[in-house]
């Protein structure tokens, strides 16, 4: 007999749409039906209830977060109060990741992805649904943004003056919208982002072989490196015993300043590493006297052969050879 998933009727939000999408990925709920109601008698018949009912109890499969006593977070490392999306993810997220990754992720990988996905996707659903400001409330935004997934879900609700207010049909569309976002994220992290970790880890561990300062890293091939580097640095500094892959000879001493990788055209890039992930402020930009110059002019100024360019902001530069890129980085360290 098909299982029943209960949630509230009327206007819907992104958090319960995502929560129910995750539930229906689980084999035991694959063929389930959704009941949208606030009638306690109807909800009592459901195998699992989300975002309604005033009860949070994992054993009885009741996952509401609106009651006054509710103050659950994803873990002690997070401050954001959970919505129904975060609640379902907290209890079933590892299974969801394993299913979407088609069983190709190891338990260790799933543990890593479980935290990564919460940080980069699920916590946003929790924060928006609970009305938590992402930035201080007194900061006036410079422009409007109506294209976030949360606004798109809100826009799927029927207009107040529509004659056909088919909430259930539109809720299905909302589930597909947020669910496709979730699946795309998991597939990207599992099959693209996660394999890059080994490349970044190798570059981190071998950085003292590149230069005795340990301030220059070289990637064997270009990959999404920034978030991995910041994660590795944090573990190396704060909890190295929990991260045995770190070469003890390259244990945390100082943070690297530059990372070198090959561009698609065969030349090499020297990238100044940001002070924090996503920031435009770098630990040490390439020298001011090189910025905005190209080719022979740049080679003459830097005294390095085969230079290609240095960006006007100093965040990146290029050289035709890896030796030239390393020399640019070495000189930049002392300038």
C-alpha atoms as a PDB file:
ATOM      1  CA  UNK A   1       0.000   0.000   0.000  1.00  0.00           C
ATOM      2  CA  UNK A   2       1.371   3.420  -0.991  1.00  0.00           C
ATOM      3  CA  UNK A   3       2.624   5.535   1.873  1.00  0.00           C
ATOM      4  CA  UNK A   4       1.147   8.942   2.640  1.00  0.00           C
ATOM      5  CA  UNK A   5       3.112  12.153   3.107  1.00  0.00           C
ATOM      6  CA  UNK A   6       1.296  14.960   4.869  1.00  0.00           C
ATOM      7  CA  UNK A   7       1.953  18.690   4.676  1.00  0.00           C
ATOM      8  CA  UNK A   8      -0.155  21.809   5.025  1.00  0.00           C
ATOM      9  CA  UNK A   9      -2.539  23.108   2.387  1.00  0.00           C
ATOM     10  CA  UNK A  10      -2.786  26.683   1.053  1.00  0.00           C
ATOM     11  CA  UNK A  11       0.268  28.743   0.159  1.00  0.00           C
ATOM     12  CA  UNK A  12       3.473  26.721  -0.043  1.00  0.00           C
ATOM     13  CA  UNK A  13       7.119  27.555   0.508  1.00  0.00           C
ATOM     14  CA  UNK A  14      10.424  26.285  -0.784  1.00  0.00           C
ATOM     15  CA  UNK A  15      11.355  24.417   2.400  1.00  0.00           C
ATOM     16  CA  UNK A  16       8.513  21.880   2.446  1.00  0.00           C
ATOM     17  CA  UNK A  17       8.726  21.497  -1.338  1.00  0.00           C
ATOM     18  CA  UNK A  18      12.375  20.466  -1.009  1.00  0.00           C
ATOM     19  CA  UNK A  19      11.705  18.338   2.083  1.00  0.00           C
ATOM     20  CA  UNK A  20       9.045  16.266   0.339  1.00  0.00           C
ATOM     21  CA  UNK A  21      11.138  15.964  -2.822  1.00  0.00           C
ATOM     22  CA  UNK A  22      13.929  14.435  -0.694  1.00  0.00           C
ATOM     23  CA  UNK A  23      11.501  12.083   1.028  1.00  0.00           C
ATOM     24  CA  UNK A  24      10.193  10.791  -2.302  1.00  0.00           C
ATOM     25  CA  UNK A  25      13.747   9.976  -3.399  1.00  0.00           C
ATOM     26  CA  UNK A  26      13.853   7.329  -0.653  1.00  0.00           C
ATOM     27  CA  UNK A  27      12.833   3.846  -1.853  1.00  0.00           C
ATOM     28  CA  UNK A  28      10.188   3.410   0.834  1.00  0.00           C
ATOM     29  CA  UNK A  29       8.442   6.616  -0.279  1.00  0.00           C
ATOM     30  CA  UNK A  30       9.029   6.319  -4.027  1.00  0.00           C
ATOM     31  CA  UNK A  31       5.372   5.592  -4.777  1.00  0.00           C
ATOM     32  CA  UNK A  32       3.949   7.746  -1.983  1.00  0.00           C
ATOM     33  CA  UNK A  33       1.052  10.171  -2.257  1.00  0.00           C
ATOM     34  CA  UNK A  34       0.971  13.687  -0.835  1.00  0.00           C
ATOM     35  CA  UNK A  35      -1.915  14.977   1.264  1.00  0.00           C
ATOM     36  CA  UNK A  36      -2.037  18.742   1.756  1.00  0.00           C
ATOM     37  CA  UNK A  37      -4.237  19.536   4.737  1.00  0.00           C
ATOM     38  CA  UNK A  38      -4.277  20.976   8.239  1.00  0.00           C
ATOM     39  CA  UNK A  39      -6.927  18.551   9.478  1.00  0.00           C
ATOM     40  CA  UNK A  40      -5.356  16.634  12.418  1.00  0.00           C
ATOM     41  CA  UNK A  41      -7.480  13.560  11.669  1.00  0.00           C
ATOM     42  CA  UNK A  42      -6.180  13.402   8.106  1.00  0.00           C
ATOM     43  CA  UNK A  43      -2.593  14.039   9.175  1.00  0.00           C
ATOM     44  CA  UNK A  44      -2.883  11.204  11.693  1.00  0.00           C
ATOM     45  CA  UNK A  45      -3.340   8.794   8.782  1.00  0.00           C
ATOM     46  CA  UNK A  46      -0.048   9.849   7.195  1.00  0.00           C
ATOM     47  CA  UNK A  47       3.144   7.822   7.451  1.00  0.00           C
ATOM     48  CA  UNK A  48       5.228  10.990   7.609  1.00  0.00           C
ATOM     49  CA  UNK A  49       4.220  14.626   8.199  1.00  0.00           C
ATOM     50  CA  UNK A  50       6.255  17.680   7.196  1.00  0.00           C
ATOM     51  CA  UNK A  51       5.927  21.386   8.078  1.00  0.00           C
ATOM     52  CA  UNK A  52       2.629  21.070   9.920  1.00  0.00           C
ATOM     53  CA  UNK A  53       1.184  19.495  13.057  1.00  0.00           C
ATOM     54  CA  UNK A  54       3.210  21.197  15.776  1.00  0.00           C
ATOM     55  CA  UNK A  55       5.364  18.119  16.508  1.00  0.00           C
ATOM     56  CA  UNK A  56       8.982  17.225  15.896  1.00  0.00           C
ATOM     57  CA  UNK A  57       9.607  13.583  16.652  1.00  0.00           C
ATOM     58  CA  UNK A  58      11.868  11.531  14.428  1.00  0.00           C
ATOM     59  CA  UNK A  59      10.628   8.188  15.794  1.00  0.00           C
ATOM     60  CA  UNK A  60       7.034   8.924  14.774  1.00  0.00           C
ATOM     61  CA  UNK A  61       8.122  10.653  11.536  1.00  0.00           C
ATOM     62  CA  UNK A  62       6.708  14.071  12.464  1.00  0.00           C
ATOM     63  CA  UNK A  63       8.784  17.003  11.229  1.00  0.00           C
ATOM     64  CA  UNK A  64       7.301  20.388  12.063  1.00  0.00           C
ATOM     65  CA  UNK A  65       9.493  23.337  13.072  1.00  0.00           C
ATOM     66  CA  UNK A  66       6.938  26.053  13.855  1.00  0.00           C
ATOM     67  CA  UNK A  67       6.334  25.259  17.520  1.00  0.00           C
ATOM     68  CA  UNK A  68       7.698  27.672  20.118  1.00  0.00           C
ATOM     69  CA  UNK A  69       9.877  24.998  21.731  1.00  0.00           C
ATOM     70  CA  UNK A  70      11.703  24.113  18.504  1.00  0.00           C
ATOM     71  CA  UNK A  71      15.318  25.288  18.374  1.00  0.00           C
ATOM     72  CA  UNK A  72      17.090  22.540  16.402  1.00  0.00           C
ATOM     73  CA  UNK A  73      20.130  23.332  14.258  1.00  0.00           C
ATOM     74  CA  UNK A  74      21.970  21.096  11.822  1.00  0.00           C
ATOM     75  CA  UNK A  75      24.823  20.611  14.285  1.00  0.00           C
ATOM     76  CA  UNK A  76      26.553  22.580  17.070  1.00  0.00           C
ATOM     77  CA  UNK A  77      28.723  24.140  14.334  1.00  0.00           C
ATOM     78  CA  UNK A  78      25.715  25.950  12.831  1.00  0.00           C
ATOM     79  CA  UNK A  79      23.495  28.657  14.300  1.00  0.00           C
ATOM     80  CA  UNK A  80      20.670  28.693  11.744  1.00  0.00           C
ATOM     81  CA  UNK A  81      17.401  27.246  13.029  1.00  0.00           C
ATOM     82  CA  UNK A  82      16.161  24.421  10.834  1.00  0.00           C
ATOM     83  CA  UNK A  83      13.171  24.584   8.525  1.00  0.00           C
ATOM     84  CA  UNK A  84      11.438  21.448   7.273  1.00  0.00           C
ATOM     85  CA  UNK A  85      14.084  21.220   4.525  1.00  0.00           C
ATOM     86  CA  UNK A  86      16.888  21.190   7.066  1.00  0.00           C
ATOM     87  CA  UNK A  87      15.038  18.746   9.321  1.00  0.00           C
ATOM     88  CA  UNK A  88      14.515  16.195   6.583  1.00  0.00           C
ATOM     89  CA  UNK A  89      18.052  16.692   5.318  1.00  0.00           C
ATOM     90  CA  UNK A  90      19.470  16.257   8.825  1.00  0.00           C
ATOM     91  CA  UNK A  91      17.836  12.843   9.175  1.00  0.00           C
ATOM     92  CA  UNK A  92      17.855  11.568   5.572  1.00  0.00           C
ATOM     93  CA  UNK A  93      20.443  13.673   3.750  1.00  0.00           C
ATOM     94  CA  UNK A  94      23.173  11.035   3.653  1.00  0.00           C
ATOM     95  CA  UNK A  95      20.770   8.536   2.111  1.00  0.00           C
ATOM     96  CA  UNK A  96      19.619  11.136  -0.422  1.00  0.00           C
ATOM     97  CA  UNK A  97      23.222  11.862  -1.421  1.00  0.00           C
ATOM     98  CA  UNK A  98      23.988   8.160  -1.805  1.00  0.00           C
ATOM     99  CA  UNK A  99      20.916   7.659  -4.002  1.00  0.00           C
ATOM    100  CA  UNK A 100      21.588  10.648  -6.283  1.00  0.00           C
ATOM    101  CA  UNK A 101      25.290   9.737  -6.513  1.00  0.00           C
ATOM    102  CA  UNK A 102      24.154   6.259  -7.601  1.00  0.00           C
ATOM    103  CA  UNK A 103      26.147   4.501  -4.887  1.00  0.00           C
ATOM    104  CA  UNK A 104      29.458   5.744  -6.301  1.00  0.00           C
ATOM    105  CA  UNK A 105      30.423   7.831  -3.263  1.00  0.00           C
ATOM    106  CA  UNK A 106      32.288   6.231  -0.369  1.00  0.00           C
ATOM    107  CA  UNK A 107      31.011   6.675   3.222  1.00  0.00           C
ATOM    108  CA  UNK A 108      33.833   9.176   3.808  1.00  0.00           C
ATOM    109  CA  UNK A 109      32.842  11.098   0.671  1.00  0.00           C
ATOM    110  CA  UNK A 110      29.192  11.114   1.740  1.00  0.00           C
ATOM    111  CA  UNK A 111      30.165  12.542   5.132  1.00  0.00           C
ATOM    112  CA  UNK A 112      32.058  15.343   3.380  1.00  0.00           C
ATOM    113  CA  UNK A 113      29.253  16.033   0.897  1.00  0.00           C
ATOM    114  CA  UNK A 114      26.642  15.967   3.664  1.00  0.00           C
ATOM    115  CA  UNK A 115      28.222  18.992   5.356  1.00  0.00           C
ATOM    116  CA  UNK A 116      29.157  20.720   2.082  1.00  0.00           C
ATOM    117  CA  UNK A 117      25.624  20.535   0.704  1.00  0.00           C
ATOM    118  CA  UNK A 118      24.118  21.842   3.915  1.00  0.00           C
ATOM    119  CA  UNK A 119      26.484  24.821   3.923  1.00  0.00           C
ATOM    120  CA  UNK A 120      26.019  25.722   0.275  1.00  0.00           C
ATOM    121  CA  UNK A 121      22.343  24.908  -0.335  1.00  0.00           C
ATOM    122  CA  UNK A 122      20.142  23.617   2.477  1.00  0.00           C
ATOM    123  CA  UNK A 123      21.068  26.242   5.070  1.00  0.00           C
ATOM    124  CA  UNK A 124      19.795  28.912   2.680  1.00  0.00           C
ATOM    125  CA  UNK A 125      16.338  27.272   2.699  1.00  0.00           C
ATOM    126  CA  UNK A 126      16.434  27.217   6.508  1.00  0.00           C
ATOM    127  CA  UNK A 127      17.510  30.841   6.802  1.00  0.00           C
ATOM    128  CA  UNK A 128      14.936  32.199   4.347  1.00  0.00           C
ATOM    129  CA  UNK A 129      12.030  30.239   5.805  1.00  0.00           C
ATOM    130  CA  UNK A 130      12.892  31.356   9.339  1.00  0.00           C
ATOM    131  CA  UNK A 131      13.301  34.986   8.308  1.00  0.00           C
ATOM    132  CA  UNK A 132      16.996  35.165   9.191  1.00  0.00           C
ATOM    133  CA  UNK A 133      18.741  38.082   7.519  1.00  0.00           C
ATOM    134  CA  UNK A 134      21.762  37.091   5.479  1.00  0.00           C
ATOM    135  CA  UNK A 135      23.219  40.568   5.985  1.00  0.00           C
ATOM    136  CA  UNK A 136      22.603  43.217   8.654  1.00  0.00           C
ATOM    137  CA  UNK A 137      19.091  44.574   8.204  1.00  0.00           C
ATOM    138  CA  UNK A 138      20.208  48.217   8.110  1.00  0.00           C
ATOM    139  CA  UNK A 139      22.177  47.719   4.867  1.00  0.00           C
ATOM    140  CA  UNK A 140      20.170  48.996   1.892  1.00  0.00           C
ATOM    141  CA  UNK A 141      20.528  46.644  -1.122  1.00  0.00           C
ATOM    142  CA  UNK A 142      21.854  48.255  -4.292  1.00  0.00           C
ATOM    143  CA  UNK A 143      19.412  46.371  -6.523  1.00  0.00           C
ATOM    144  CA  UNK A 144      16.448  44.015  -6.386  1.00  0.00           C
ATOM    145  CA  UNK A 145      16.811  40.302  -7.012  1.00  0.00           C
ATOM    146  CA  UNK A 146      13.641  38.373  -7.765  1.00  0.00           C
ATOM    147  CA  UNK A 147      15.357  35.387  -9.365  1.00  0.00           C
ATOM    148  CA  UNK A 148      16.412  33.436  -6.282  1.00  0.00           C
ATOM    149  CA  UNK A 149      14.950  29.946  -6.032  1.00  0.00           C
ATOM    150  CA  UNK A 150      12.962  31.079  -2.988  1.00  0.00           C
ATOM    151  CA  UNK A 151      11.297  33.892  -4.927  1.00  0.00           C
ATOM    152  CA  UNK A 152      10.664  31.564  -7.862  1.00  0.00           C
ATOM    153  CA  UNK A 153       8.851  29.106  -5.591  1.00  0.00           C
ATOM    154  CA  UNK A 154       6.871  31.957  -4.053  1.00  0.00           C
ATOM    155  CA  UNK A 155       5.892  33.049  -7.560  1.00  0.00           C
ATOM    156  CA  UNK A 156       4.450  29.617  -8.327  1.00  0.00           C
ATOM    157  CA  UNK A 157       1.680  30.159  -5.781  1.00  0.00           C
ATOM    158  CA  UNK A 158      -1.614  31.208  -7.413  1.00  0.00           C
ATOM    159  CA  UNK A 159      -2.229  34.926  -7.708  1.00  0.00           C
ATOM    160  CA  UNK A 160      -4.722  36.337  -5.247  1.00  0.00           C
ATOM    161  CA  UNK A 161      -7.181  37.135  -8.075  1.00  0.00           C
ATOM    162  CA  UNK A 162      -6.834  33.962 -10.154  1.00  0.00           C
ATOM    163  CA  UNK A 163      -9.983  31.979 -10.699  1.00  0.00           C
ATOM    164  CA  UNK A 164      -8.127  28.655 -10.918  1.00  0.00           C
ATOM    165  CA  UNK A 165      -6.180  28.360  -7.674  1.00  0.00           C
ATOM    166  CA  UNK A 166      -4.873  24.817  -8.095  1.00  0.00           C
ATOM    167  CA  UNK A 167      -2.391  24.748  -5.213  1.00  0.00           C
ATOM    168  CA  UNK A 168      -1.633  21.032  -5.422  1.00  0.00           C
ATOM    169  CA  UNK A 169      -0.649  21.153  -9.084  1.00  0.00           C
ATOM    170  CA  UNK A 170       1.543  24.177  -8.500  1.00  0.00           C
ATOM    171  CA  UNK A 171       3.126  22.598  -5.433  1.00  0.00           C
ATOM    172  CA  UNK A 172       4.261  19.744  -7.675  1.00  0.00           C
ATOM    173  CA  UNK A 173       5.942  22.312  -9.935  1.00  0.00           C
ATOM    174  CA  UNK A 174       7.652  23.832  -6.889  1.00  0.00           C
ATOM    175  CA  UNK A 175       8.928  20.404  -5.842  1.00  0.00           C
ATOM    176  CA  UNK A 176      10.368  19.815  -9.300  1.00  0.00           C
ATOM    177  CA  UNK A 177      12.051  23.233  -9.279  1.00  0.00           C
ATOM    178  CA  UNK A 178      13.820  22.835  -5.934  1.00  0.00           C
ATOM    179  CA  UNK A 179      14.378  19.110  -6.450  1.00  0.00           C
ATOM    180  CA  UNK A 180      16.181  19.588  -9.751  1.00  0.00           C
ATOM    181  CA  UNK A 181      18.390  22.172  -8.049  1.00  0.00           C
ATOM    182  CA  UNK A 182      19.210  19.677  -5.279  1.00  0.00           C
ATOM    183  CA  UNK A 183      19.969  16.826  -7.682  1.00  0.00           C
ATOM    184  CA  UNK A 184      22.166  19.028  -9.891  1.00  0.00           C
ATOM    185  CA  UNK A 185      24.124  20.187  -6.830  1.00  0.00           C
ATOM    186  CA  UNK A 186      24.651  16.663  -5.515  1.00  0.00           C
ATOM    187  CA  UNK A 187      25.779  15.373  -8.925  1.00  0.00           C
ATOM    188  CA  UNK A 188      28.175  18.286  -9.344  1.00  0.00           C
ATOM    189  CA  UNK A 189      29.674  17.860  -5.882  1.00  0.00           C
ATOM    190  CA  UNK A 190      29.902  14.067  -6.147  1.00  0.00           C
ATOM    191  CA  UNK A 191      31.235  13.775  -9.687  1.00  0.00           C
ATOM    192  CA  UNK A 192      33.108  17.047 -10.310  1.00  0.00           C
ATOM    193  CA  UNK A 193      33.868  18.925  -7.088  1.00  0.00           C
ATOM    194  CA  UNK A 194      34.829  15.918  -4.955  1.00  0.00           C
ATOM    195  CA  UNK A 195      37.382  14.382  -7.379  1.00  0.00           C
ATOM    196  CA  UNK A 196      39.169  17.745  -7.393  1.00  0.00           C
ATOM    197  CA  UNK A 197      39.959  17.360  -3.695  1.00  0.00           C
ATOM    198  CA  UNK A 198      42.763  14.860  -4.358  1.00  0.00           C
ATOM    199  CA  UNK A 199      44.365  17.222  -6.876  1.00  0.00           C
ATOM    200  CA  UNK A 200      44.281  20.132  -4.414  1.00  0.00           C
ATOM    201  CA  UNK A 201      45.479  17.965  -1.538  1.00  0.00           C
ATOM    202  CA  UNK A 202      48.448  16.769  -3.596  1.00  0.00           C
ATOM    203  CA  UNK A 203      49.322  20.373  -4.475  1.00  0.00           C
ATOM    204  CA  UNK A 204      49.057  21.385  -0.817  1.00  0.00           C
ATOM    205  CA  UNK A 205      51.216  18.494   0.375  1.00  0.00           C
ATOM    206  CA  UNK A 206      53.922  19.083  -2.241  1.00  0.00           C
ATOM    207  CA  UNK A 207      54.108  22.887  -2.030  1.00  0.00           C
ATOM    208  CA  UNK A 208      57.464  22.841  -0.198  1.00  0.00           C
ATOM    209  CA  UNK A 209      58.884  20.892  -3.154  1.00  0.00           C
ATOM    210  CA  UNK A 210      57.942  23.810  -5.411  1.00  0.00           C
ATOM    211  CA  UNK A 211      59.529  26.452  -3.223  1.00  0.00           C
ATOM    212  CA  UNK A 212      61.088  26.167   0.237  1.00  0.00           C
ATOM    213  CA  UNK A 213      58.741  28.886   1.496  1.00  0.00           C
ATOM    214  CA  UNK A 214      55.707  26.632   0.959  1.00  0.00           C
ATOM    215  CA  UNK A 215      53.847  29.671  -0.380  1.00  0.00           C
ATOM    216  CA  UNK A 216      53.375  28.399  -3.944  1.00  0.00           C
ATOM    217  CA  UNK A 217      51.100  25.518  -5.006  1.00  0.00           C
ATOM    218  CA  UNK A 218      50.934  23.866  -8.415  1.00  0.00           C
ATOM    219  CA  UNK A 219      47.862  21.947  -9.592  1.00  0.00           C
ATOM    220  CA  UNK A 220      48.521  18.919 -11.810  1.00  0.00           C
ATOM    221  CA  UNK A 221      45.464  20.053 -13.777  1.00  0.00           C
ATOM    222  CA  UNK A 222      42.945  22.833 -13.397  1.00  0.00           C
ATOM    223  CA  UNK A 223      39.960  22.006 -11.187  1.00  0.00           C
ATOM    224  CA  UNK A 224      37.612  23.718  -8.687  1.00  0.00           C
ATOM    225  CA  UNK A 225      40.286  24.345  -6.073  1.00  0.00           C
ATOM    226  CA  UNK A 226      39.333  27.250  -3.838  1.00  0.00           C
ATOM    227  CA  UNK A 227      36.817  25.688  -1.444  1.00  0.00           C
ATOM    228  CA  UNK A 228      38.997  22.563  -1.075  1.00  0.00           C
ATOM    229  CA  UNK A 229      42.056  24.646  -0.202  1.00  0.00           C
ATOM    230  CA  UNK A 230      40.208  26.583   2.501  1.00  0.00           C
ATOM    231  CA  UNK A 231      38.809  23.343   3.957  1.00  0.00           C
ATOM    232  CA  UNK A 232      42.262  21.718   3.952  1.00  0.00           C
ATOM    233  CA  UNK A 233      43.867  24.751   5.589  1.00  0.00           C
ATOM    234  CA  UNK A 234      41.243  24.839   8.310  1.00  0.00           C
ATOM    235  CA  UNK A 235      41.738  21.172   9.124  1.00  0.00           C
ATOM    236  CA  UNK A 236      45.517  21.422   8.923  1.00  0.00           C
ATOM    237  CA  UNK A 237      45.494  24.322  11.373  1.00  0.00           C
ATOM    238  CA  UNK A 238      42.792  23.218  13.799  1.00  0.00           C
ATOM    239  CA  UNK A 239      42.493  19.448  13.660  1.00  0.00           C
ATOM    240  CA  UNK A 240      45.382  17.794  11.789  1.00  0.00           C
ATOM    241  CA  UNK A 241      44.919  14.457  13.553  1.00  0.00           C
ATOM    242  CA  UNK A 242      41.456  14.141  11.989  1.00  0.00           C
ATOM    243  CA  UNK A 243      42.958  14.648   8.550  1.00  0.00           C
ATOM    244  CA  UNK A 244      45.697  12.030   8.119  1.00  0.00           C
ATOM    245  CA  UNK A 245      45.980  12.668   4.358  1.00  0.00           C
ATOM    246  CA  UNK A 246      47.919  15.836   5.104  1.00  0.00           C
ATOM    247  CA  UNK A 247      51.617  15.263   4.676  1.00  0.00           C
ATOM    248  CA  UNK A 248      53.189  15.885   8.082  1.00  0.00           C
ATOM    249  CA  UNK A 249      56.123  17.551   6.359  1.00  0.00           C
ATOM    250  CA  UNK A 250      53.736  20.154   4.964  1.00  0.00           C
ATOM    251  CA  UNK A 251      51.795  20.667   8.191  1.00  0.00           C
ATOM    252  CA  UNK A 252      50.273  24.082   8.694  1.00  0.00           C
ATOM    253  CA  UNK A 253      52.925  26.742   9.068  1.00  0.00           C
ATOM    254  CA  UNK A 254      51.784  29.572   6.839  1.00  0.00           C
ATOM    255  CA  UNK A 255      49.092  29.902   4.196  1.00  0.00           C
ATOM    256  CA  UNK A 256      50.150  29.693   0.539  1.00  0.00           C
ATOM    257  CA  UNK A 257      49.925  32.922  -1.418  1.00  0.00           C
ATOM    258  CA  UNK A 258      49.807  31.737  -5.035  1.00  0.00           C
ATOM    259  CA  UNK A 259      48.436  28.783  -6.948  1.00  0.00           C
ATOM    260  CA  UNK A 260      49.625  27.865 -10.449  1.00  0.00           C
ATOM    261  CA  UNK A 261      47.680  25.889 -13.057  1.00  0.00           C
ATOM    262  CA  UNK A 262      47.682  25.329 -16.810  1.00  0.00           C
ATOM    263  CA  UNK A 263      45.173  27.263 -18.889  1.00  0.00           C
ATOM    264  CA  UNK A 264      43.190  25.710 -21.743  1.00  0.00           C
ATOM    265  CA  UNK A 265      45.538  27.261 -24.305  1.00  0.00           C
ATOM    266  CA  UNK A 266      48.592  25.562 -22.789  1.00  0.00           C
ATOM    267  CA  UNK A 267      50.045  28.579 -20.994  1.00  0.00           C
ATOM    268  CA  UNK A 268      50.157  28.877 -17.194  1.00  0.00           C
ATOM    269  CA  UNK A 269      48.291  31.091 -14.759  1.00  0.00           C
ATOM    270  CA  UNK A 270      49.521  32.480 -11.440  1.00  0.00           C
ATOM    271  CA  UNK A 271      46.523  33.124  -9.218  1.00  0.00           C
ATOM    272  CA  UNK A 272      46.756  35.126  -5.995  1.00  0.00           C
ATOM    273  CA  UNK A 273      44.769  33.269  -3.316  1.00  0.00           C
ATOM    274  CA  UNK A 274      41.903  35.178  -1.694  1.00  0.00           C
ATOM    275  CA  UNK A 275      41.971  36.118   1.990  1.00  0.00           C
ATOM    276  CA  UNK A 276      38.698  34.264   2.423  1.00  0.00           C
ATOM    277  CA  UNK A 277      36.623  32.156   0.095  1.00  0.00           C
ATOM    278  CA  UNK A 278      34.764  34.227  -2.483  1.00  0.00           C
ATOM    279  CA  UNK A 279      36.509  37.468  -1.534  1.00  0.00           C
ATOM    280  CA  UNK A 280      38.072  39.803  -4.094  1.00  0.00           C
ATOM    281  CA  UNK A 281      40.746  40.727  -1.545  1.00  0.00           C
ATOM    282  CA  UNK A 282      43.858  38.586  -1.909  1.00  0.00           C
ATOM    283  CA  UNK A 283      46.500  37.483   0.585  1.00  0.00           C
ATOM    284  CA  UNK A 284      49.173  39.072  -1.590  1.00  0.00           C
ATOM    285  CA  UNK A 285      48.245  40.407  -5.039  1.00  0.00           C
ATOM    286  CA  UNK A 286      50.832  40.289  -7.781  1.00  0.00           C
ATOM    287  CA  UNK A 287      53.119  43.361  -7.629  1.00  0.00           C
ATOM    288  CA  UNK A 288      51.604  46.740  -8.421  1.00  0.00           C
ATOM    289  CA  UNK A 289      54.404  47.563 -10.885  1.00  0.00           C
ATOM    290  CA  UNK A 290      53.406  44.562 -13.043  1.00  0.00           C
ATOM    291  CA  UNK A 291      49.680  45.222 -13.120  1.00  0.00           C
ATOM    292  CA  UNK A 292      48.067  46.083 -16.425  1.00  0.00           C
ATOM    293  CA  UNK A 293      51.170  45.219 -18.479  1.00  0.00           C
ATOM    294  CA  UNK A 294      51.495  42.495 -21.102  1.00  0.00           C
ATOM    295  CA  UNK A 295      54.004  40.477 -23.125  1.00  0.00           C
ATOM    296  CA  UNK A 296      57.419  42.097 -23.693  1.00  0.00           C
ATOM    297  CA  UNK A 297      56.615  45.145 -21.574  1.00  0.00           C
ATOM    298  CA  UNK A 298      55.748  42.893 -18.644  1.00  0.00           C
ATOM    299  CA  UNK A 299      58.791  40.645 -19.159  1.00  0.00           C
ATOM    300  CA  UNK A 300      61.043  43.699 -19.153  1.00  0.00           C
ATOM    301  CA  UNK A 301      59.479  45.054 -15.951  1.00  0.00           C
ATOM    302  CA  UNK A 302      59.483  41.725 -14.105  1.00  0.00           C
ATOM    303  CA  UNK A 303      62.754  40.387 -15.529  1.00  0.00           C
ATOM    304  CA  UNK A 304      60.925  37.108 -16.242  1.00  0.00           C
ATOM    305  CA  UNK A 305      60.901  35.667 -19.766  1.00  0.00           C
ATOM    306  CA  UNK A 306      57.713  34.753 -21.646  1.00  0.00           C
ATOM    307  CA  UNK A 307      55.262  36.764 -19.560  1.00  0.00           C
ATOM    308  CA  UNK A 308      51.754  37.133 -20.996  1.00  0.00           C
ATOM    309  CA  UNK A 309      49.874  39.498 -18.688  1.00  0.00           C
ATOM    310  CA  UNK A 310      49.068  40.596 -15.159  1.00  0.00           C
ATOM    311  CA  UNK A 311      45.518  41.743 -14.464  1.00  0.00           C
ATOM    312  CA  UNK A 312      45.065  45.388 -13.463  1.00  0.00           C
ATOM    313  CA  UNK A 313      43.904  44.312  -9.990  1.00  0.00           C
ATOM    314  CA  UNK A 314      46.836  41.926  -9.513  1.00  0.00           C
ATOM    315  CA  UNK A 315      44.703  38.881  -8.763  1.00  0.00           C
ATOM    316  CA  UNK A 316      46.035  36.811 -11.681  1.00  0.00           C
ATOM    317  CA  UNK A 317      48.831  36.727 -14.225  1.00  0.00           C
ATOM    318  CA  UNK A 318      50.112  34.466 -16.971  1.00  0.00           C
ATOM    319  CA  UNK A 319      53.283  33.062 -18.468  1.00  0.00           C
ATOM    320  CA  UNK A 320      53.942  30.800 -21.451  1.00  0.00           C
ATOM    321  CA  UNK A 321      55.859  28.245 -19.350  1.00  0.00           C
ATOM    322  CA  UNK A 322      55.474  26.680 -15.927  1.00  0.00           C
ATOM    323  CA  UNK A 323      59.024  27.730 -15.016  1.00  0.00           C
ATOM    324  CA  UNK A 324      58.151  31.307 -15.891  1.00  0.00           C
ATOM    325  CA  UNK A 325      54.966  31.158 -13.804  1.00  0.00           C
ATOM    326  CA  UNK A 326      56.901  29.804 -10.809  1.00  0.00           C
ATOM    327  CA  UNK A 327      59.509  32.550 -11.188  1.00  0.00           C
ATOM    328  CA  UNK A 328      56.762  35.207 -11.257  1.00  0.00           C
ATOM    329  CA  UNK A 329      55.310  33.809  -8.047  1.00  0.00           C
ATOM    330  CA  UNK A 330      58.713  33.593  -6.337  1.00  0.00           C
ATOM    331  CA  UNK A 331      59.533  37.192  -7.161  1.00  0.00           C
ATOM    332  CA  UNK A 332      56.067  38.360  -6.086  1.00  0.00           C
ATOM    333  CA  UNK A 333      56.537  36.837  -2.618  1.00  0.00           C
ATOM    334  CA  UNK A 334      59.358  39.254  -1.813  1.00  0.00           C
ATOM    335  CA  UNK A 335      57.924  42.348  -3.494  1.00  0.00           C
END
